[in-house]
Protein backbone atom coordinates (compact mmCIF):
# COMPACT_ATOMS: atom_id res chain seq x y z
CA MET A 1 -30.31 -8.03 7.80
CA VAL A 2 -27.29 -5.72 8.10
CA LYS A 3 -25.21 -8.57 9.51
CA LEU A 4 -26.18 -10.87 6.62
CA LEU A 5 -25.33 -8.17 4.07
CA LEU A 6 -21.91 -7.67 5.62
CA ILE A 7 -21.24 -11.40 5.54
CA VAL A 8 -22.08 -11.63 1.83
CA PHE A 9 -20.08 -8.46 1.11
CA SER A 10 -17.11 -9.83 3.05
CA VAL A 11 -17.19 -13.16 1.19
CA CYS A 12 -17.16 -11.44 -2.20
CA LEU A 13 -14.44 -8.96 -1.30
CA THR A 14 -12.33 -11.81 0.06
CA ALA A 15 -12.67 -13.56 -3.29
CA TYR A 16 -11.35 -10.42 -5.01
CA ALA A 17 -8.51 -10.14 -2.48
CA LYS A 18 -7.34 -13.62 -3.46
CA SER A 19 -7.56 -12.79 -7.16
CA SER A 20 -4.77 -11.23 -9.20
CA GLU A 21 -7.32 -9.26 -11.26
CA PRO A 22 -8.38 -5.76 -10.13
CA PRO A 23 -12.03 -5.29 -9.20
CA ARG A 24 -14.16 -3.86 -12.00
CA THR A 25 -15.39 -0.34 -11.30
CA VAL A 26 -18.40 1.31 -12.94
CA GLU A 27 -20.22 4.60 -12.53
CA CYS A 28 -23.43 4.46 -10.50
CA VAL A 29 -26.00 6.81 -8.97
CA SER A 30 -25.74 7.13 -5.19
CA GLU A 31 -28.81 8.05 -3.19
CA GLN A 32 -26.83 8.51 0.04
CA VAL A 33 -23.39 9.85 0.97
CA ASP A 34 -20.61 7.61 2.34
CA VAL A 35 -22.97 4.60 2.43
CA TRP A 36 -22.62 1.38 0.43
CA GLU A 37 -25.76 0.72 -1.61
CA PHE A 38 -26.56 -2.50 -3.49
CA ARG A 39 -27.56 -2.56 -7.15
CA PRO A 40 -28.38 -5.48 -9.50
CA TYR A 41 -26.04 -6.01 -12.45
CA PRO A 42 -28.22 -5.90 -15.58
CA ALA A 43 -26.22 -8.32 -17.75
CA ASP A 44 -25.68 -11.13 -15.24
CA CYS A 45 -27.91 -12.32 -12.37
CA ASN A 46 -24.88 -13.77 -10.57
CA LEU A 47 -23.27 -10.32 -10.35
CA TYR A 48 -24.25 -7.18 -8.48
CA ILE A 49 -22.88 -3.71 -7.83
CA ILE A 50 -22.01 -2.03 -4.56
CA CYS A 51 -22.20 1.73 -4.97
CA MET A 52 -20.82 4.60 -2.87
CA ASN A 53 -20.41 8.26 -3.84
CA GLY A 54 -20.89 7.54 -7.54
CA VAL A 55 -18.36 4.68 -7.72
CA GLY A 56 -19.58 1.12 -8.19
CA ILE A 57 -17.66 -2.13 -7.67
CA VAL A 58 -18.88 -5.20 -9.55
CA LEU A 59 -19.00 -8.25 -7.28
CA GLN A 60 -20.10 -11.84 -7.73
CA CYS A 61 -22.39 -14.00 -5.62
CA PRO A 62 -20.86 -17.25 -4.28
CA ASP A 63 -21.25 -20.43 -6.30
CA GLU A 64 -24.34 -20.42 -8.56
CA LEU A 65 -26.42 -18.01 -6.50
CA TYR A 66 -28.30 -15.00 -7.90
CA PHE A 67 -28.45 -11.52 -6.41
CA ASP A 68 -31.89 -10.62 -5.09
CA PRO A 69 -32.50 -6.82 -5.27
CA GLU A 70 -35.39 -7.04 -2.82
CA SER A 71 -33.53 -8.72 0.04
CA GLU A 72 -30.12 -7.44 -1.12
CA LEU A 73 -28.78 -10.96 -0.57
CA CYS A 74 -27.47 -13.78 -2.73
CA ASP A 75 -30.07 -16.53 -3.00
CA LEU A 76 -30.97 -19.66 -4.97
CA PRO A 77 -32.00 -18.88 -8.60
CA GLU A 78 -35.52 -20.25 -8.08
CA ASN A 79 -36.09 -17.70 -5.30
CA VAL A 80 -34.96 -14.70 -7.36
CA ASP A 81 -36.93 -12.88 -10.05
CA CYS A 82 -34.07 -12.05 -12.42
CA VAL A 83 -33.64 -12.04 -16.19
CA ALA A 84 -30.24 -10.98 -17.49
CA VAL A 85 -30.39 -8.30 -20.18
CA THR A 86 -27.48 -8.23 -22.62
CA ASP A 87 -26.98 -6.91 -26.14
CA SER A 88 -24.01 -9.10 -26.92
CA PRO A 89 -23.21 -12.82 -26.67
CA PRO A 90 -21.45 -13.97 -23.49
CA GLU A 91 -17.68 -13.78 -23.52
CA THR A 92 -15.72 -16.97 -23.88
CA GLU A 93 -13.78 -17.62 -20.72
CA GLU A 94 -10.05 -18.10 -21.07
CA PRO A 95 -8.65 -21.28 -19.53
CA PRO A 96 -7.20 -20.56 -16.07
CA THR A 97 -3.48 -19.85 -15.94
CA PRO A 98 -1.69 -22.63 -14.07
CA PRO A 99 0.06 -21.50 -10.86
CA PRO A 100 3.83 -21.06 -11.04
CA THR A 101 5.86 -24.16 -10.34
CA GLU A 102 7.75 -23.80 -7.09
CA GLU A 103 11.19 -25.38 -7.06
CA PRO A 104 12.46 -27.04 -3.88
CA GLY A 105 14.03 -24.47 -1.56
CA CYS A 106 12.40 -21.46 -3.27
CA ASN A 107 11.41 -18.39 -1.28
CA ASP A 108 7.59 -18.28 -1.27
CA ARG A 109 7.69 -14.50 -1.79
CA CYS A 110 9.70 -14.91 -5.00
CA VAL A 111 7.86 -17.69 -6.84
CA LEU A 112 5.22 -15.25 -8.15
CA GLN A 113 7.82 -12.97 -9.73
CA SER A 114 7.41 -13.04 -13.50
CA SER A 115 10.80 -11.52 -14.27
CA ILE A 116 13.93 -13.67 -14.49
CA TRP A 117 15.67 -10.78 -12.72
CA GLY A 118 13.31 -10.95 -9.76
CA GLY A 119 12.59 -7.79 -7.79
CA GLU A 120 11.91 -6.48 -4.30
CA VAL A 121 8.84 -7.93 -2.55
CA PRO A 122 7.42 -6.74 0.81
CA ASP A 123 7.50 -9.12 3.75
CA ALA A 124 4.09 -10.54 4.59
CA ASN A 125 4.36 -9.86 8.33
CA ASP A 126 6.78 -6.95 8.87
CA CYS A 127 6.56 -3.47 7.28
CA SER A 128 10.30 -2.89 7.68
CA ARG A 129 11.38 -6.06 5.88
CA PHE A 130 11.41 -7.09 2.23
CA VAL A 131 12.76 -9.90 0.07
CA ASN A 132 15.28 -9.09 -2.66
CA CYS A 133 14.39 -11.80 -5.18
CA MET A 134 17.24 -12.74 -7.49
CA ASP A 135 14.81 -14.50 -9.83
CA ASN A 136 11.47 -16.27 -9.39
CA CYS A 137 12.94 -18.66 -6.84
CA LYS A 138 15.85 -17.43 -4.75
CA GLY A 139 15.72 -14.38 -2.51
CA ALA A 140 17.33 -12.76 0.54
CA THR A 141 15.32 -11.06 3.30
CA LEU A 142 16.54 -7.55 4.15
CA THR A 143 15.53 -5.13 6.90
CA CYS A 144 15.26 -1.37 6.45
CA PRO A 145 17.20 0.88 8.87
CA VAL A 146 15.53 1.63 12.22
CA GLY A 147 12.43 3.79 11.86
CA LEU A 148 11.88 3.08 8.16
CA TYR A 149 9.41 0.90 6.26
CA PHE A 150 9.73 -0.71 2.85
CA ASN A 151 7.87 1.23 0.14
CA HIS A 152 6.72 -1.56 -2.19
CA LEU A 153 5.66 0.75 -5.03
CA LEU A 154 8.99 2.60 -5.17
CA SER A 155 11.11 -0.41 -4.09
CA VAL A 156 13.01 1.58 -1.45
CA CYS A 157 13.11 2.00 2.31
CA ASP A 158 11.06 5.09 3.18
CA LEU A 159 9.32 6.97 5.97
CA PRO A 160 6.37 4.99 7.40
CA GLU A 161 3.85 7.67 6.46
CA ARG A 162 4.87 7.41 2.80
CA SER A 163 5.47 3.68 2.52
CA GLU A 164 1.84 2.50 2.29
CA CYS A 165 2.63 -0.79 4.02
CA LEU A 166 -0.08 -3.30 3.15
CA LEU A 167 -0.37 -4.22 6.82
CA GLU A 168 -1.30 -0.66 7.81
CA VAL A 169 -2.56 1.37 4.84
CA CYS A 170 -6.19 0.26 5.31
CA VAL A 171 -6.30 0.39 9.12
CA ASP A 172 -9.27 2.53 10.22
CA GLN A 173 -10.28 2.97 6.56
CA PRO A 174 -13.85 2.20 5.40
CA ILE A 175 -14.47 -0.76 3.11
CA GLY A 176 -13.80 0.34 -0.46
CA LEU A 177 -11.14 1.77 -2.76
CA LEU A 178 -8.27 3.99 -1.60
CA ALA A 179 -5.98 6.01 -3.89
CA SER A 180 -2.21 5.58 -3.55
CA VAL A 181 -0.09 8.58 -2.53
CA ASN A 182 2.89 7.12 -4.42
CA SER A 183 1.36 6.40 -7.82
CA CYS A 184 -1.64 7.74 -9.73
CA GLY A 185 -1.97 4.36 -11.47
CA HIS A 186 -2.34 2.28 -8.30
CA PHE A 187 -5.09 1.92 -5.71
CA PHE A 188 -5.96 -0.25 -2.72
CA LEU A 189 -9.02 -2.37 -2.00
CA CYS A 190 -9.63 -2.07 1.75
CA GLN A 191 -11.60 -4.70 3.64
CA SER A 192 -11.59 -5.14 7.41
CA SER A 193 -8.30 -3.18 7.70
CA THR A 194 -6.59 -5.50 5.20
CA ALA A 195 -5.30 -4.21 1.87
CA ARG A 196 -4.79 -5.47 -1.64
CA VAL A 197 -3.00 -3.26 -4.18
CA PHE A 198 -4.17 -3.07 -7.80
CA THR A 199 -2.85 -1.37 -10.93
CA CYS A 200 -4.87 0.48 -13.54
CA SER A 201 -4.33 -0.48 -17.17
CA ARG A 202 -1.61 1.26 -19.14
CA ASN A 203 -2.48 4.90 -19.98
CA GLU A 204 -5.08 5.01 -17.21
CA ILE A 205 -5.20 7.01 -13.98
CA PHE A 206 -7.10 6.15 -10.82
CA TYR A 207 -9.68 8.70 -9.68
CA PRO A 208 -11.28 8.17 -6.22
CA VAL A 209 -14.76 8.96 -7.55
CA HIS A 210 -14.66 7.30 -10.98
CA GLY A 211 -12.05 4.51 -10.72
CA CYS A 212 -9.53 3.93 -13.53
CA LEU A 213 -10.05 6.28 -16.49
CA PRO A 214 -7.97 7.15 -19.58
CA GLY A 215 -5.15 9.54 -18.77
CA ASP A 216 -1.40 10.09 -19.09
CA PRO A 217 0.40 8.81 -15.97
CA ALA A 218 3.52 10.69 -17.08
CA GLN A 219 1.73 13.94 -16.22
CA CYS A 220 1.15 12.90 -12.60
CA GLU A 221 3.07 14.48 -9.74
CA HIS A 222 3.13 11.26 -7.72
CA PRO A 223 6.64 9.99 -6.81
CA LEU A 224 6.50 6.88 -9.02
CA GLN A 225 5.69 8.92 -12.13
CA SER A 226 7.59 12.15 -11.40
CA GLN A 227 10.97 10.91 -10.16
CA SER A 228 13.75 11.21 -12.73
CA ILE A 229 16.40 8.51 -12.38
CA PRO A 230 19.44 8.94 -14.64
CA ASP A 231 20.82 6.08 -16.71
CA ALA A 232 23.52 4.10 -14.97
CA PRO A 233 26.96 5.56 -15.72
CA LYS A 234 29.79 3.38 -16.99
CA GLU A 235 31.31 3.13 -13.51
CA VAL A 236 28.15 1.49 -12.20
CA GLN A 237 27.81 -0.79 -15.22
CA GLU A 238 31.33 -2.10 -14.65
CA LYS A 239 30.44 -3.05 -11.05
CA CYS A 240 27.36 -5.00 -12.09
CA ASP A 241 28.25 -8.62 -12.80
CA SER A 242 26.07 -11.53 -13.85
CA GLN A 243 26.05 -13.19 -10.44
CA GLY A 244 23.48 -12.62 -7.72
CA SER A 245 21.87 -9.28 -6.84
CA LYS A 246 23.26 -6.15 -5.17
CA PHE A 247 22.73 -2.39 -4.84
CA ILE A 248 25.20 0.15 -6.27
CA ARG A 249 25.14 3.91 -5.56
CA HIS A 250 25.36 6.49 -8.33
CA PRO A 251 28.89 7.98 -8.19
CA GLU A 252 27.62 11.58 -8.23
CA ARG A 253 24.17 11.31 -6.61
CA CYS A 254 23.60 10.41 -2.96
CA ASP A 255 19.91 9.69 -3.47
CA VAL A 256 20.17 7.44 -6.55
CA PHE A 257 21.26 3.83 -6.67
CA TYR A 258 20.82 0.81 -8.90
CA ARG A 259 19.71 -2.72 -8.31
CA CYS A 260 22.08 -5.06 -10.13
CA ALA A 261 20.52 -8.43 -10.95
CA LYS A 262 22.33 -10.91 -13.18
CA GLY A 263 24.05 -8.16 -15.13
CA GLN A 264 20.90 -5.98 -15.52
CA LEU A 265 20.54 -2.59 -13.81
CA PHE A 266 17.31 -1.11 -12.41
CA GLY A 267 17.25 2.48 -11.15
CA ARG A 268 16.02 3.38 -7.67
CA MET A 269 15.70 6.73 -5.87
CA CYS A 270 15.62 7.43 -2.14
CA GLN A 271 12.80 9.83 -1.31
CA GLN A 272 12.96 13.27 0.28
CA GLY A 273 14.94 13.31 3.53
CA LEU A 274 16.72 10.03 2.78
CA LEU A 275 19.97 9.09 1.05
CA PHE A 276 21.54 5.83 -0.04
CA ASP A 277 23.65 4.43 2.80
CA GLU A 278 26.47 2.30 1.40
CA THR A 279 27.21 0.84 4.84
CA VAL A 280 23.82 -0.95 4.88
CA GLY A 281 23.13 -0.92 1.13
CA LEU A 282 19.72 0.75 1.56
CA CYS A 283 18.10 4.17 1.83
CA ASN A 284 18.55 5.72 5.26
CA LEU A 285 17.80 8.99 7.05
CA ALA A 286 20.03 11.71 5.59
CA ASP A 287 21.50 12.53 9.02
CA GLU A 288 22.75 8.94 9.27
CA VAL A 289 24.49 8.93 5.90
CA ASP A 290 28.04 10.13 5.16
CA CYS A 291 27.79 11.15 1.52
CA VAL A 292 28.84 14.23 -0.45
CA GLU A 293 27.50 14.73 -3.97
CA VAL A 294 30.09 15.50 -6.65
């Protein structure tokens, strides 16, 4: 029975991992500690809730199957005694958004970028590498200095223990949700040591016990919310042209730099113990950087 439950659980979590939508979390009553418990979803027989320590994740049975509370498995509707209880009419499903069109020669890590100015995207197979996407097609693969990983939430090279590399953040973690150390508005869904990062809605904060709840992210002490990056001075603006993408250091700050993409500037900040290294164009260990603040 346990093996069958894990198979069903794995199938449903895999479906969420392939989705761009964050898993829905709800409050639930746990009878045990640090143990996943299964609950029926009252408004839909095709859905069910996995509950641990007061936090529930709404999951969906494969295909047209129903969740059976007695066996705690997904089964054919005729084998399940279930009547959905709802006080409101079913929601009208929005038509699926068509996948982005990939132009010939596009970098597959850049085609999902919604911004015409692109952005930095972590490499799928190497924690130290990332792709600097110039738009939603073209991009150049860069490698962080030796000993550093790419921090995908802060868009900088950082110490491995702070970077939350998707290849490692969920290793040895139990199946479930994991709070980010870099942002109070982000969390990870861990499954079989693989990770998927999700973002709470605007003006919400992630709480390990309750999920995403209303709150002011600006009051958080996490690096993404607390770092103060100054506006780009005129000297930096003059160096940013409309062609390609590059990184430009702040003239008076060794830890601040700007990503220039097609004439637009985006502020970045190297984290504690690191400074922007103009010789490699990335954050590096402070001892390796020759920089004096004005």
